[in-house]
Amino acid sequence: MVVDGLDSLAARLSLQAVCRRQGLPLVTAAVAGAAGQLTVVFPGDPGLEALYGPPSELPARGAEAELGTLPFAVMFLANLECAETVKILLGRGRPLRRRLLIFDLLDTRVEVMDLG
């Protein structure tokens, strides 16, 4: 299993490709300002392209370039990534596979969307 701590969409998509080739699940997350998102991609899942489109159409810089990355949001997201990793390794709970957790800590909002 692989846990993503990368800072660009292009790098995340490259990592996802390696995970697919190796048959490894990927816990991946992104943060911008006080908001972020988290999902789990297993080999064979639609993956990050479903969120961001094809790699050739990715922007050069993400929202974090303008909004920064606030430490409390990064720590919140890191804790969620750890929780997802433990759930998968122990086979307990329901991982965020084919679902996207989105949060905004300034509005104190957390939502989970079904990715189909």
C-alpha atoms as a PDB file:
ATOM      1  CA  MET A   1       0.000   0.000   0.000  1.00  0.00           C
ATOM      2  CA  VAL A   2       1.143   3.546  -0.712  1.00  0.00           C
ATOM      3  CA  VAL A   3       0.270   6.785   1.088  1.00  0.00           C
ATOM      4  CA  ASP A   4       0.599   9.969  -0.977  1.00  0.00           C
ATOM      5  CA  GLY A   5       2.315  13.000   0.519  1.00  0.00           C
ATOM      6  CA  LEU A   6       2.955  14.724  -2.804  1.00  0.00           C
ATOM      7  CA  ASP A   7       2.374  18.352  -3.713  1.00  0.00           C
ATOM      8  CA  SER A   8       1.204  18.266  -7.332  1.00  0.00           C
ATOM      9  CA  LEU A   9      -1.508  16.641  -9.401  1.00  0.00           C
ATOM     10  CA  ALA A  10       0.976  15.432 -12.001  1.00  0.00           C
ATOM     11  CA  ALA A  11       3.036  13.680  -9.311  1.00  0.00           C
ATOM     12  CA  ARG A  12      -0.099  12.077  -7.823  1.00  0.00           C
ATOM     13  CA  LEU A  13      -1.158  10.738 -11.212  1.00  0.00           C
ATOM     14  CA  SER A  14       2.338   9.343 -11.798  1.00  0.00           C
ATOM     15  CA  LEU A  15       2.284   7.662  -8.393  1.00  0.00           C
ATOM     16  CA  GLN A  16      -1.163   6.240  -9.114  1.00  0.00           C
ATOM     17  CA  ALA A  17       0.159   4.732 -12.365  1.00  0.00           C
ATOM     18  CA  VAL A  18       3.000   3.023 -10.470  1.00  0.00           C
ATOM     19  CA  CYS A  19       0.546   1.712  -7.853  1.00  0.00           C
ATOM     20  CA  ARG A  20      -1.666   0.279 -10.600  1.00  0.00           C
ATOM     21  CA  ARG A  21       1.292  -1.494 -12.228  1.00  0.00           C
ATOM     22  CA  GLN A  22       2.363  -2.918  -8.865  1.00  0.00           C
ATOM     23  CA  GLY A  23      -1.191  -3.835  -7.777  1.00  0.00           C
ATOM     24  CA  LEU A  24      -1.068  -1.578  -4.713  1.00  0.00           C
ATOM     25  CA  PRO A  25      -3.855   0.506  -3.149  1.00  0.00           C
ATOM     26  CA  LEU A  26      -3.180   4.252  -2.924  1.00  0.00           C
ATOM     27  CA  VAL A  27      -4.354   6.590  -0.174  1.00  0.00           C
ATOM     28  CA  THR A  28      -4.192  10.033  -1.751  1.00  0.00           C
ATOM     29  CA  ALA A  29      -5.000  13.501  -0.515  1.00  0.00           C
ATOM     30  CA  ALA A  30      -4.691  17.159  -1.429  1.00  0.00           C
ATOM     31  CA  VAL A  31      -4.879  20.352   0.607  1.00  0.00           C
ATOM     32  CA  ALA A  32      -5.234  24.006  -0.358  1.00  0.00           C
ATOM     33  CA  GLY A  33      -5.654  26.659   2.305  1.00  0.00           C
ATOM     34  CA  ALA A  34      -7.886  25.224   5.032  1.00  0.00           C
ATOM     35  CA  ALA A  35      -9.664  22.808   2.679  1.00  0.00           C
ATOM     36  CA  GLY A  36      -8.787  19.464   1.218  1.00  0.00           C
ATOM     37  CA  GLN A  37      -9.866  16.104  -0.078  1.00  0.00           C
ATOM     38  CA  LEU A  38      -9.036  12.445   0.412  1.00  0.00           C
ATOM     39  CA  THR A  39      -9.762   9.226  -1.452  1.00  0.00           C
ATOM     40  CA  VAL A  40      -8.504   5.668  -1.773  1.00  0.00           C
ATOM     41  CA  VAL A  41      -7.735   4.178  -5.183  1.00  0.00           C
ATOM     42  CA  PHE A  42      -7.395   0.424  -5.617  1.00  0.00           C
ATOM     43  CA  PRO A  43      -5.941  -1.126  -8.781  1.00  0.00           C
ATOM     44  CA  GLY A  44      -8.689  -1.220 -11.391  1.00  0.00           C
ATOM     45  CA  ASP A  45     -10.613   1.711  -9.880  1.00  0.00           C
ATOM     46  CA  PRO A  46     -11.343   4.752 -12.076  1.00  0.00           C
ATOM     47  CA  GLY A  47      -8.937   6.777  -9.943  1.00  0.00           C
ATOM     48  CA  LEU A  48      -7.818  10.371  -9.975  1.00  0.00           C
ATOM     49  CA  GLU A  49      -8.570  10.913 -13.657  1.00  0.00           C
ATOM     50  CA  ALA A  50     -12.257  10.825 -12.696  1.00  0.00           C
ATOM     51  CA  LEU A  51     -11.629  13.910 -10.540  1.00  0.00           C
ATOM     52  CA  TYR A  52      -9.030  15.824 -12.541  1.00  0.00           C
ATOM     53  CA  GLY A  53      -9.387  14.660 -16.122  1.00  0.00           C
ATOM     54  CA  PRO A  54      -6.554  13.373 -18.299  1.00  0.00           C
ATOM     55  CA  PRO A  55      -2.962  14.147 -17.270  1.00  0.00           C
ATOM     56  CA  SER A  56      -2.418  16.186 -20.431  1.00  0.00           C
ATOM     57  CA  GLU A  57      -5.065  18.696 -19.284  1.00  0.00           C
ATOM     58  CA  LEU A  58      -3.801  19.286 -15.740  1.00  0.00           C
ATOM     59  CA  PRO A  59      -2.995  22.848 -14.712  1.00  0.00           C
ATOM     60  CA  ALA A  60       0.677  23.582 -14.080  1.00  0.00           C
ATOM     61  CA  ARG A  61      -0.108  24.675 -10.506  1.00  0.00           C
ATOM     62  CA  GLY A  62      -2.915  23.713  -8.153  1.00  0.00           C
ATOM     63  CA  ALA A  63      -5.063  25.858  -5.854  1.00  0.00           C
ATOM     64  CA  GLU A  64      -2.455  25.523  -3.099  1.00  0.00           C
ATOM     65  CA  ALA A  65      -0.178  27.833  -5.091  1.00  0.00           C
ATOM     66  CA  GLU A  66      -2.616  30.663  -4.397  1.00  0.00           C
ATOM     67  CA  LEU A  67      -4.146  29.558  -1.087  1.00  0.00           C
ATOM     68  CA  GLY A  68      -1.073  28.053   0.566  1.00  0.00           C
ATOM     69  CA  THR A  69      -1.284  25.058   2.848  1.00  0.00           C
ATOM     70  CA  LEU A  70      -2.295  25.863   6.394  1.00  0.00           C
ATOM     71  CA  PRO A  71      -0.596  23.568   8.925  1.00  0.00           C
ATOM     72  CA  PHE A  72      -3.780  22.630  10.787  1.00  0.00           C
ATOM     73  CA  ALA A  73      -5.400  21.495   7.529  1.00  0.00           C
ATOM     74  CA  VAL A  74      -2.322  19.465   6.584  1.00  0.00           C
ATOM     75  CA  MET A  75      -2.328  17.757   9.994  1.00  0.00           C
ATOM     76  CA  PHE A  76      -6.066  17.052   9.780  1.00  0.00           C
ATOM     77  CA  LEU A  77      -5.581  15.484   6.361  1.00  0.00           C
ATOM     78  CA  ALA A  78      -2.541  13.481   7.488  1.00  0.00           C
ATOM     79  CA  ASN A  79      -4.596  12.015  10.337  1.00  0.00           C
ATOM     80  CA  LEU A  80      -7.332  11.020   7.911  1.00  0.00           C
ATOM     81  CA  GLU A  81      -4.768   9.380   5.613  1.00  0.00           C
ATOM     82  CA  CYS A  82      -3.429   7.399   8.582  1.00  0.00           C
ATOM     83  CA  ALA A  83      -6.938   6.283   9.515  1.00  0.00           C
ATOM     84  CA  GLU A  84      -7.626   5.098   5.951  1.00  0.00           C
ATOM     85  CA  THR A  85      -4.331   3.223   5.865  1.00  0.00           C
ATOM     86  CA  VAL A  86      -5.048   1.429   9.140  1.00  0.00           C
ATOM     87  CA  LYS A  87      -8.584   0.513   8.001  1.00  0.00           C
ATOM     88  CA  ILE A  88      -7.215  -1.074   4.831  1.00  0.00           C
ATOM     89  CA  LEU A  89      -4.332  -2.891   6.536  1.00  0.00           C
ATOM     90  CA  LEU A  90      -6.606  -4.284   9.257  1.00  0.00           C
ATOM     91  CA  GLY A  91      -9.564  -4.951   6.964  1.00  0.00           C
ATOM     92  CA  ARG A  92     -11.876  -2.993   9.268  1.00  0.00           C
ATOM     93  CA  GLY A  93     -14.355  -0.231   8.605  1.00  0.00           C
ATOM     94  CA  ARG A  94     -15.237   1.138   5.189  1.00  0.00           C
ATOM     95  CA  PRO A  95     -12.354   2.760   3.312  1.00  0.00           C
ATOM     96  CA  LEU A  96     -12.986   5.774   1.090  1.00  0.00           C
ATOM     97  CA  ARG A  97     -12.675   3.595  -2.008  1.00  0.00           C
ATOM     98  CA  ARG A  98     -14.706   5.147  -4.850  1.00  0.00           C
ATOM     99  CA  ARG A  99     -15.670   7.939  -2.471  1.00  0.00           C
ATOM    100  CA  LEU A 100     -14.209  11.398  -1.935  1.00  0.00           C
ATOM    101  CA  LEU A 101     -14.036  13.084   1.451  1.00  0.00           C
ATOM    102  CA  ILE A 102     -14.007  16.866   1.128  1.00  0.00           C
ATOM    103  CA  PHE A 103     -13.460  19.224   4.046  1.00  0.00           C
ATOM    104  CA  ASP A 104     -13.319  22.934   4.714  1.00  0.00           C
ATOM    105  CA  LEU A 105     -12.068  23.699   8.197  1.00  0.00           C
ATOM    106  CA  LEU A 106     -12.913  27.412   7.995  1.00  0.00           C
ATOM    107  CA  ASP A 107     -16.594  26.529   7.521  1.00  0.00           C
ATOM    108  CA  THR A 108     -16.297  23.396   9.706  1.00  0.00           C
ATOM    109  CA  ARG A 109     -17.723  21.226   6.954  1.00  0.00           C
ATOM    110  CA  VAL A 110     -16.951  17.623   6.028  1.00  0.00           C
ATOM    111  CA  GLU A 111     -18.753  15.789   3.228  1.00  0.00           C
ATOM    112  CA  VAL A 112     -18.310  12.460   1.500  1.00  0.00           C
ATOM    113  CA  MET A 113     -19.266  12.100  -2.151  1.00  0.00           C
ATOM    114  CA  ASP A 114     -19.816   8.823  -3.988  1.00  0.00           C
ATOM    115  CA  LEU A 115     -17.558   8.571  -7.035  1.00  0.00           C
ATOM    116  CA  GLY A 116     -19.575   5.721  -8.566  1.00  0.00           C
END
